[in-house]
Amino acid sequence: MASVTRSIHVWGYYGLLVGLTLALIPNLFLGVLAIPPVDEPWIRILGVAAIAIGINYLGAVRGGVTREFATASVLARAIVTVGIVLAAVRWGYWGLLPVAAVELGGAVWTRTALHRAGRDRTSAPPRT
């Protein structure tokens, strides 16, 4: 499960980085995505939520990533990917699509690592 843990660990730092950017300098992040600047607090609140998610991922790494946590993270990131794509289509913010691709890439990375870890576990000799 080392590769699974690595993917969760990287994703925890990704969440912190995105969250801090959205919470502290949201219009920089939005500008990179070609989204008009905002003054409303919702983007900063989203940043705080991303920070919290990143902390949860890093906490899972410290406590030992379980197969269940990793599987749930794959589903969550797939849902986020769909939400981002729908938002891009609905409002024409095509700059969101690279963010969706990163989210999908993270989900695929963890899912592939889970698959390999399961295959390795089932091919290991029985413990005596």
Protein backbone atom coordinates (compact mmCIF):
# COMPACT_ATOMS: atom_id res chain seq x y z
CA MET A 1 0.00 0.00 0.00
CA ALA A 2 3.04 2.28 -0.17
CA SER A 3 1.94 3.72 -3.52
CA VAL A 4 -1.59 4.26 -2.19
CA THR A 5 -0.19 6.09 0.82
CA ARG A 6 2.06 8.19 -1.44
CA SER A 7 -0.91 9.27 -3.57
CA ILE A 8 -2.94 10.23 -0.49
CA HIS A 9 0.08 12.06 0.95
CA VAL A 10 0.60 14.09 -2.24
CA TRP A 11 -3.12 14.81 -2.40
CA GLY A 12 -3.07 16.11 1.17
CA TYR A 13 -0.41 18.67 0.28
CA TYR A 14 -2.24 19.51 -2.95
CA GLY A 15 -5.38 20.24 -0.89
CA LEU A 16 -3.40 22.45 1.48
CA LEU A 17 -1.79 24.37 -1.38
CA VAL A 18 -5.02 24.93 -3.27
CA GLY A 19 -6.86 25.74 -0.05
CA LEU A 20 -4.30 28.28 1.13
CA THR A 21 -4.29 29.93 -2.28
CA LEU A 22 -8.09 30.17 -2.37
CA ALA A 23 -8.30 31.38 1.23
CA LEU A 24 -5.54 33.97 1.03
CA ILE A 25 -5.16 35.06 -2.61
CA PRO A 26 -8.22 33.70 -4.41
CA ASN A 27 -8.14 36.06 -7.36
CA LEU A 28 -4.63 34.93 -8.27
CA PHE A 29 -5.91 31.36 -8.53
CA LEU A 30 -9.01 32.43 -10.43
CA GLY A 31 -6.93 34.60 -12.77
CA VAL A 32 -4.75 31.64 -13.73
CA LEU A 33 -7.96 29.81 -14.67
CA ALA A 34 -9.26 32.81 -16.66
CA ILE A 35 -12.14 33.28 -14.23
CA PRO A 36 -13.11 36.86 -13.37
CA PRO A 37 -12.08 38.11 -9.92
CA VAL A 38 -14.57 37.93 -7.07
CA ASP A 39 -15.13 39.84 -3.85
CA GLU A 40 -17.61 37.44 -2.25
CA PRO A 41 -16.46 35.33 0.71
CA TRP A 42 -17.53 31.97 -0.80
CA ILE A 43 -14.22 31.42 -2.58
CA ARG A 44 -12.31 31.86 0.68
CA ILE A 45 -14.72 29.51 2.45
CA LEU A 46 -14.06 26.95 -0.30
CA GLY A 47 -10.36 27.45 0.40
CA VAL A 48 -10.84 26.72 4.10
CA ALA A 49 -12.76 23.56 3.18
CA ALA A 50 -9.90 22.48 0.89
CA ILE A 51 -7.44 23.07 3.73
CA ALA A 52 -9.56 20.89 6.01
CA ILE A 53 -9.69 18.13 3.40
CA GLY A 54 -5.92 18.33 2.95
CA ILE A 55 -5.46 18.04 6.72
CA ASN A 56 -7.72 14.96 6.74
CA TYR A 57 -5.63 13.35 4.00
CA LEU A 58 -2.39 14.07 5.85
CA GLY A 59 -3.93 12.77 9.07
CA ALA A 60 -4.85 9.56 7.29
CA VAL A 61 -1.24 9.19 6.21
CA ARG A 62 0.02 9.69 9.76
CA GLY A 63 -2.48 7.21 11.16
CA GLY A 64 -2.11 4.67 8.37
CA VAL A 65 -4.11 4.91 5.17
CA THR A 66 -6.83 2.28 5.09
CA ARG A 67 -8.16 0.70 1.94
CA GLU A 68 -11.58 2.15 2.82
CA PHE A 69 -10.27 5.70 3.13
CA ALA A 70 -8.38 5.44 -0.16
CA THR A 71 -11.42 3.98 -1.93
CA ALA A 72 -13.65 6.76 -0.58
CA SER A 73 -11.10 9.34 -1.74
CA VAL A 74 -11.24 7.95 -5.28
CA LEU A 75 -15.03 8.29 -5.31
CA ALA A 76 -14.88 11.80 -3.82
CA ARG A 77 -12.33 12.98 -6.38
CA ALA A 78 -14.39 11.49 -9.22
CA ILE A 79 -17.43 13.42 -7.95
CA VAL A 80 -15.37 16.61 -7.71
CA THR A 81 -14.15 16.03 -11.27
CA VAL A 82 -17.71 15.75 -12.58
CA GLY A 83 -18.74 18.85 -10.63
CA ILE A 84 -15.87 20.89 -12.03
CA VAL A 85 -16.60 19.78 -15.60
CA LEU A 86 -20.30 20.61 -15.19
CA ALA A 87 -19.40 24.06 -13.83
CA ALA A 88 -17.03 24.66 -16.74
CA VAL A 89 -19.74 23.74 -19.23
CA ARG A 90 -22.51 25.64 -17.45
CA TRP A 91 -20.64 28.93 -17.04
CA GLY A 92 -18.11 28.62 -19.86
CA TYR A 93 -15.10 28.72 -17.53
CA TRP A 94 -12.96 26.43 -19.65
CA GLY A 95 -9.95 27.22 -17.48
CA LEU A 96 -11.48 24.85 -14.92
CA LEU A 97 -10.87 21.85 -17.17
CA PRO A 98 -7.17 21.48 -16.23
CA VAL A 99 -8.23 21.43 -12.57
CA ALA A 100 -10.71 18.66 -13.42
CA ALA A 101 -7.92 16.79 -15.21
CA VAL A 102 -5.69 17.04 -12.13
CA GLU A 103 -8.54 15.78 -9.92
CA LEU A 104 -9.23 12.89 -12.28
CA GLY A 105 -5.53 12.10 -12.49
CA GLY A 106 -5.32 11.90 -8.70
CA ALA A 107 -8.33 9.59 -8.56
CA VAL A 108 -6.88 7.32 -11.25
CA TRP A 109 -3.48 7.28 -9.50
CA THR A 110 -5.00 6.17 -6.20
CA ARG A 111 -7.35 3.67 -7.89
CA THR A 112 -4.48 2.13 -9.84
CA ALA A 113 -2.37 1.92 -6.68
CA LEU A 114 -5.27 0.26 -4.84
CA HIS A 115 -5.66 -2.27 -7.64
CA ARG A 116 -1.95 -3.10 -7.56
CA ALA A 117 -1.92 -3.34 -3.78
CA GLY A 118 -4.87 -5.75 -3.90
CA ARG A 119 -3.18 -7.85 -6.54
CA ASP A 120 0.04 -7.94 -4.51
CA ARG A 121 -1.87 -8.90 -1.39
CA THR A 122 -3.68 -11.77 -3.07
CA SER A 123 -0.51 -13.15 -4.68
CA ALA A 124 1.49 -13.13 -1.44
CA PRO A 125 2.10 -16.48 0.21
CA PRO A 126 -0.17 -17.25 3.18
CA ARG A 127 1.13 -16.34 6.62
CA THR A 128 1.98 -19.21 8.91
